[in-house]
C-alpha atoms as a PDB file:
ATOM      1  CA  UNK A   1       6.319 -13.237 -13.211  1.00  0.00           C
ATOM      2  CA  UNK A   2       8.427 -10.169 -12.485  1.00  0.00           C
ATOM      3  CA  UNK A   3       6.855  -6.738 -11.829  1.00  0.00           C
ATOM      4  CA  UNK A   4       8.267  -3.273 -11.165  1.00  0.00           C
ATOM      5  CA  UNK A   5       6.584  -1.479  -8.252  1.00  0.00           C
ATOM      6  CA  UNK A   6       6.320   2.237  -7.489  1.00  0.00           C
ATOM      7  CA  UNK A   7       4.697   3.924  -4.501  1.00  0.00           C
ATOM      8  CA  UNK A   8       5.255   5.993  -1.374  1.00  0.00           C
ATOM      9  CA  UNK A   9       6.850   5.229   1.960  1.00  0.00           C
ATOM     10  CA  UNK A  10       4.130   4.648   4.558  1.00  0.00           C
ATOM     11  CA  UNK A  11       5.978   6.783   7.131  1.00  0.00           C
ATOM     12  CA  UNK A  12       7.624   9.727   5.329  1.00  0.00           C
ATOM     13  CA  UNK A  13       5.725   9.687   1.991  1.00  0.00           C
ATOM     14  CA  UNK A  14       8.930   9.702  -0.091  1.00  0.00           C
ATOM     15  CA  UNK A  15       8.655   8.009  -3.472  1.00  0.00           C
ATOM     16  CA  UNK A  16      10.051   4.492  -3.625  1.00  0.00           C
ATOM     17  CA  UNK A  17      10.494   1.764  -6.185  1.00  0.00           C
ATOM     18  CA  UNK A  18      10.894  -1.964  -5.803  1.00  0.00           C
ATOM     19  CA  UNK A  19      10.492  -5.196  -7.708  1.00  0.00           C
ATOM     20  CA  UNK A  20       8.340  -8.244  -7.033  1.00  0.00           C
ATOM     21  CA  UNK A  21       8.549 -11.801  -8.291  1.00  0.00           C
ATOM     22  CA  UNK A  22       5.222 -13.611  -8.304  1.00  0.00           C
ATOM     23  CA  UNK A  23       4.455 -17.202  -9.186  1.00  0.00           C
ATOM     24  CA  UNK A  24       1.190 -17.917 -10.962  1.00  0.00           C
ATOM     25  CA  UNK A  25      -0.701 -21.155 -11.323  1.00  0.00           C
ATOM     26  CA  UNK A  26      -4.275 -21.235 -12.474  1.00  0.00           C
ATOM     27  CA  UNK A  27      -6.652 -23.826 -13.821  1.00  0.00           C
ATOM     28  CA  UNK A  28      -8.658 -22.954 -16.945  1.00  0.00           C
ATOM     29  CA  UNK A  29     -11.616 -24.916 -18.228  1.00  0.00           C
ATOM     30  CA  UNK A  30     -11.669 -25.872 -21.910  1.00  0.00           C
ATOM     31  CA  UNK A  31     -15.041 -25.688 -23.670  1.00  0.00           C
ATOM     32  CA  UNK A  32     -17.012 -28.946 -23.572  1.00  0.00           C
ATOM     33  CA  UNK A  33     -14.614 -30.519 -21.060  1.00  0.00           C
ATOM     34  CA  UNK A  34     -15.583 -32.327 -17.872  1.00  0.00           C
ATOM     35  CA  UNK A  35     -14.273 -29.362 -15.875  1.00  0.00           C
ATOM     36  CA  UNK A  36     -16.400 -26.981 -17.931  1.00  0.00           C
ATOM     37  CA  UNK A  37     -19.508 -29.095 -17.351  1.00  0.00           C
ATOM     38  CA  UNK A  38     -18.973 -29.650 -13.616  1.00  0.00           C
ATOM     39  CA  UNK A  39     -18.043 -26.121 -12.524  1.00  0.00           C
ATOM     40  CA  UNK A  40     -19.981 -22.880 -12.420  1.00  0.00           C
ATOM     41  CA  UNK A  41     -19.134 -20.097 -14.853  1.00  0.00           C
ATOM     42  CA  UNK A  42     -17.730 -17.856 -12.098  1.00  0.00           C
ATOM     43  CA  UNK A  43     -15.828 -20.674 -10.390  1.00  0.00           C
ATOM     44  CA  UNK A  44     -13.068 -21.118 -13.008  1.00  0.00           C
ATOM     45  CA  UNK A  45     -11.905 -18.973 -15.893  1.00  0.00           C
ATOM     46  CA  UNK A  46     -12.630 -20.407 -19.327  1.00  0.00           C
ATOM     47  CA  UNK A  47     -10.566 -20.826 -22.486  1.00  0.00           C
ATOM     48  CA  UNK A  48     -12.309 -18.840 -25.226  1.00  0.00           C
ATOM     49  CA  UNK A  49     -11.184 -19.257 -28.832  1.00  0.00           C
ATOM     50  CA  UNK A  50      -7.879 -20.780 -27.635  1.00  0.00           C
ATOM     51  CA  UNK A  51      -7.176 -17.621 -25.564  1.00  0.00           C
ATOM     52  CA  UNK A  52      -7.188 -17.052 -21.802  1.00  0.00           C
ATOM     53  CA  UNK A  53      -7.745 -13.772 -19.968  1.00  0.00           C
ATOM     54  CA  UNK A  54      -5.110 -13.508 -17.238  1.00  0.00           C
ATOM     55  CA  UNK A  55      -5.631  -9.860 -16.256  1.00  0.00           C
ATOM     56  CA  UNK A  56      -7.509 -10.534 -13.002  1.00  0.00           C
ATOM     57  CA  UNK A  57      -5.213 -13.424 -12.081  1.00  0.00           C
ATOM     58  CA  UNK A  58      -2.071 -11.299 -12.518  1.00  0.00           C
ATOM     59  CA  UNK A  59      -3.614  -8.343 -10.659  1.00  0.00           C
ATOM     60  CA  UNK A  60      -4.629 -10.530  -7.707  1.00  0.00           C
ATOM     61  CA  UNK A  61      -1.193 -12.178  -7.486  1.00  0.00           C
ATOM     62  CA  UNK A  62       0.686  -8.861  -7.588  1.00  0.00           C
ATOM     63  CA  UNK A  63      -1.602  -7.202  -5.020  1.00  0.00           C
ATOM     64  CA  UNK A  64      -1.115 -10.113  -2.620  1.00  0.00           C
ATOM     65  CA  UNK A  65       2.666  -9.789  -3.019  1.00  0.00           C
ATOM     66  CA  UNK A  66       2.667  -6.078  -2.101  1.00  0.00           C
ATOM     67  CA  UNK A  67       3.744  -5.078   1.409  1.00  0.00           C
ATOM     68  CA  UNK A  68       0.971  -3.631   3.585  1.00  0.00           C
ATOM     69  CA  UNK A  69       3.116  -0.650   4.625  1.00  0.00           C
ATOM     70  CA  UNK A  70       6.067  -0.138   2.250  1.00  0.00           C
ATOM     71  CA  UNK A  71       9.023   1.696   3.778  1.00  0.00           C
ATOM     72  CA  UNK A  72      11.874   3.569   2.073  1.00  0.00           C
ATOM     73  CA  UNK A  73      14.179   2.010   4.679  1.00  0.00           C
ATOM     74  CA  UNK A  74      13.507  -0.107   7.755  1.00  0.00           C
ATOM     75  CA  UNK A  75      14.503   2.643  10.205  1.00  0.00           C
ATOM     76  CA  UNK A  76      12.545   5.466   8.506  1.00  0.00           C
ATOM     77  CA  UNK A  77      11.564   7.919  11.284  1.00  0.00           C
ATOM     78  CA  UNK A  78       8.510   9.250   9.430  1.00  0.00           C
ATOM     79  CA  UNK A  79       6.925  12.678   9.821  1.00  0.00           C
ATOM     80  CA  UNK A  80       6.549  15.003  12.803  1.00  0.00           C
ATOM     81  CA  UNK A  81       2.879  14.693  13.853  1.00  0.00           C
ATOM     82  CA  UNK A  82       2.658  18.409  14.713  1.00  0.00           C
ATOM     83  CA  UNK A  83       4.245  20.180  11.722  1.00  0.00           C
ATOM     84  CA  UNK A  84       4.339  17.400   9.102  1.00  0.00           C
ATOM     85  CA  UNK A  85       8.041  17.810   8.316  1.00  0.00           C
ATOM     86  CA  UNK A  86      10.263  14.754   7.861  1.00  0.00           C
ATOM     87  CA  UNK A  87      12.021  13.780  11.106  1.00  0.00           C
ATOM     88  CA  UNK A  88      15.175  13.000   9.098  1.00  0.00           C
ATOM     89  CA  UNK A  89      15.383  16.658   7.982  1.00  0.00           C
ATOM     90  CA  UNK A  90      14.687  18.195  11.410  1.00  0.00           C
ATOM     91  CA  UNK A  91      17.167  19.137  14.113  1.00  0.00           C
ATOM     92  CA  UNK A  92      17.609  16.634  16.970  1.00  0.00           C
ATOM     93  CA  UNK A  93      16.102  19.114  19.446  1.00  0.00           C
ATOM     94  CA  UNK A  94      12.991  19.686  17.290  1.00  0.00           C
ATOM     95  CA  UNK A  95       9.811  19.885  19.323  1.00  0.00           C
ATOM     96  CA  UNK A  96       6.550  21.723  19.717  1.00  0.00           C
ATOM     97  CA  UNK A  97       5.121  23.371  22.807  1.00  0.00           C
ATOM     98  CA  UNK A  98       2.064  21.478  23.893  1.00  0.00           C
ATOM     99  CA  UNK A  99      -0.499  23.272  25.978  1.00  0.00           C
ATOM    100  CA  UNK A 100      -3.128  21.484  27.966  1.00  0.00           C
ATOM    101  CA  UNK A 101      -6.425  22.427  26.256  1.00  0.00           C
ATOM    102  CA  UNK A 102      -7.939  23.210  29.666  1.00  0.00           C
ATOM    103  CA  UNK A 103      -5.489  26.131  29.997  1.00  0.00           C
ATOM    104  CA  UNK A 104      -5.850  27.441  26.418  1.00  0.00           C
ATOM    105  CA  UNK A 105      -8.564  29.984  27.297  1.00  0.00           C
ATOM    106  CA  UNK A 106      -6.509  31.372  30.187  1.00  0.00           C
ATOM    107  CA  UNK A 107      -3.417  31.686  27.967  1.00  0.00           C
ATOM    108  CA  UNK A 108      -5.456  33.664  25.429  1.00  0.00           C
ATOM    109  CA  UNK A 109      -6.632  36.098  28.083  1.00  0.00           C
ATOM    110  CA  UNK A 110      -3.143  36.584  29.523  1.00  0.00           C
ATOM    111  CA  UNK A 111      -1.471  37.198  26.171  1.00  0.00           C
ATOM    112  CA  UNK A 112      -4.085  39.841  25.183  1.00  0.00           C
ATOM    113  CA  UNK A 113      -2.871  42.229  27.924  1.00  0.00           C
END
């Protein structure tokens, strides 16, 4: 089975598309067969009126084929944790002043003067 995939990069949140090929193999129990008589109803899917419901089987196979953290490219730098901008769009010298929280109150008092 072939499926088109669409989602977001796990690092920079850009939209991405991909394709997945999934192989399916499933056993169905025919009515009044030995398999039907020896298995529980929820153990195997059943053939009903010469039709089979493959929705759950296809969904499970595609979900298992999906990457846990899809990336737009393998070297995606992601987002700046302080401002949320994409690292790829920021200047190389981009940075944020970090202040030790223990000194924050003193900085507030000094800047008020």
